[in-house]
Amino acid sequence: MTQEFLKAIHRHKPARLQQWLAEAEQGAIPKFHSVARGLRRDEAAVMEALQWPYSNGPTEAAVNSLKTVKRQMLGRGKLDLLRKRYLALAERRHWYKRTQQPSSELVQVLSEVP
């Protein structure tokens, strides 16, 4: 049942999701009933989201990273230090994915961060 749900979502198949919702609502697993009810509450938005190949996942990840760094810095510095730490984090992620070699810019920024 879980695999069918994941297939419907990942393959952007609204009809398949509708079928899964009907099965989940009639099934014997209470957790699936709860998930189906939640999806039905905002069914129009869920089905519309499955129509498009776009995702705001990368944006959400960037915002989450910034908030994490901001929480870590609470009371420690001003905007300039927050900026340096966030840029260092972004650069670290970028070079790790790209070449796994630190750039000279990263080394410089990291040397300035206390």
Protein backbone atom coordinates (compact mmCIF):
# COMPACT_ATOMS: atom_id res chain seq x y z
CA MET A 1 0.00 0.00 0.00
CA THR A 2 2.83 2.37 0.86
CA GLN A 3 4.64 1.55 -2.37
CA GLU A 4 1.54 2.38 -4.40
CA PHE A 5 1.25 5.75 -2.67
CA LEU A 6 4.90 6.56 -3.40
CA LYS A 7 4.53 5.53 -7.04
CA ALA A 8 1.48 7.78 -7.47
CA ILE A 9 3.28 10.76 -5.97
CA HIS A 10 6.69 10.30 -7.61
CA ARG A 11 5.28 9.52 -11.03
CA HIS A 12 2.75 12.38 -10.88
CA LYS A 13 -0.32 10.16 -11.37
CA PRO A 14 -3.45 11.87 -9.95
CA ALA A 15 -5.76 9.02 -11.03
CA ARG A 16 -3.55 6.51 -9.27
CA LEU A 17 -3.59 8.66 -6.13
CA GLN A 18 -7.40 8.87 -6.25
CA GLN A 19 -7.52 5.09 -6.38
CA TRP A 20 -5.08 4.83 -3.48
CA LEU A 21 -7.15 7.28 -1.40
CA ALA A 22 -10.29 5.20 -1.93
CA GLU A 23 -8.45 2.01 -0.93
CA ALA A 24 -6.88 3.70 2.12
CA GLU A 25 -10.23 5.01 3.34
CA GLN A 26 -11.78 1.55 3.07
CA GLY A 27 -8.74 -0.38 4.34
CA ALA A 28 -8.09 -1.78 7.78
CA ILE A 29 -5.07 0.39 8.69
CA PRO A 30 -6.05 3.43 10.83
CA LYS A 31 -2.88 5.39 9.93
CA PHE A 32 -3.78 5.20 6.24
CA HIS A 33 -7.30 6.45 7.09
CA SER A 34 -5.71 9.47 8.75
CA VAL A 35 -3.39 10.18 5.79
CA ALA A 36 -6.28 9.84 3.33
CA ARG A 37 -8.46 12.23 5.36
CA GLY A 38 -5.66 14.77 5.48
CA LEU A 39 -5.09 14.59 1.73
CA ARG A 40 -8.82 14.81 1.04
CA ARG A 41 -9.03 18.04 3.07
CA ASP A 42 -6.85 19.78 0.50
CA GLU A 43 -7.47 17.44 -2.40
CA ALA A 44 -7.65 20.14 -5.07
CA ALA A 45 -4.17 21.45 -4.21
CA VAL A 46 -2.70 17.94 -4.02
CA MET A 47 -4.10 16.95 -7.40
CA GLU A 48 -2.98 20.23 -8.95
CA ALA A 49 0.54 19.73 -7.60
CA LEU A 50 0.68 16.33 -9.29
CA GLN A 51 -0.10 17.94 -12.65
CA TRP A 52 3.23 19.80 -12.72
CA PRO A 53 6.78 18.46 -12.78
CA TYR A 54 8.04 21.32 -10.60
CA SER A 55 8.95 21.16 -6.92
CA ASN A 56 9.81 23.77 -4.34
CA GLY A 57 12.03 21.25 -2.55
CA PRO A 58 15.33 23.01 -3.39
CA THR A 59 13.94 26.33 -2.16
CA GLU A 60 12.66 24.76 1.05
CA ALA A 61 16.07 23.14 1.62
CA ALA A 62 17.84 26.48 1.22
CA VAL A 63 15.45 28.21 3.62
CA ASN A 64 15.84 25.39 6.14
CA SER A 65 19.64 25.66 5.95
CA LEU A 66 19.52 29.41 6.49
CA LYS A 67 17.19 29.05 9.48
CA THR A 68 19.45 26.38 10.99
CA VAL A 69 22.52 28.62 10.73
CA LYS A 70 20.51 31.54 12.08
CA ARG A 71 19.42 29.51 15.12
CA GLN A 72 23.00 28.41 15.75
CA MET A 73 24.10 32.06 15.68
CA LEU A 74 21.45 33.38 18.06
CA GLY A 75 23.04 36.20 20.03
CA ARG A 76 26.54 35.62 18.61
CA GLY A 77 26.92 38.19 15.92
CA LYS A 78 25.43 40.49 13.41
CA LEU A 79 24.30 40.08 9.84
CA ASP A 80 27.82 40.12 8.38
CA LEU A 81 28.87 37.03 10.37
CA LEU A 82 25.59 35.25 9.52
CA ARG A 83 26.21 36.01 5.85
CA LYS A 84 29.75 34.62 5.97
CA ARG A 85 28.65 31.44 7.72
CA TYR A 86 25.78 30.84 5.32
CA LEU A 87 27.95 31.49 2.27
CA ALA A 88 30.54 29.09 3.66
CA LEU A 89 27.85 26.45 4.12
CA ALA A 90 26.52 26.95 0.60
CA GLU A 91 30.00 26.87 -0.90
CA ARG A 92 30.88 23.72 1.04
CA ARG A 93 27.79 21.97 -0.29
CA HIS A 94 28.42 23.20 -3.81
CA TRP A 95 32.04 22.12 -4.04
CA TYR A 96 31.31 18.81 -2.37
CA LYS A 97 28.69 17.97 -4.98
CA ARG A 98 30.74 19.37 -7.85
CA THR A 99 34.33 18.26 -7.34
CA GLN A 100 34.82 17.41 -3.69
CA GLN A 101 37.73 19.90 -3.70
CA PRO A 102 37.52 23.12 -1.64
CA SER A 103 37.78 26.32 -3.61
CA SER A 104 40.09 29.12 -2.63
CA GLU A 105 37.01 31.25 -1.90
CA LEU A 106 35.78 28.66 0.61
CA VAL A 107 39.14 28.48 2.32
CA GLN A 108 39.21 32.27 2.61
CA VAL A 109 35.66 32.52 3.97
CA LEU A 110 36.24 29.70 6.45
CA SER A 111 39.40 31.34 7.71
CA GLU A 112 37.40 34.48 8.51
CA VAL A 113 34.67 32.65 10.44
CA PRO A 114 35.40 32.41 14.18
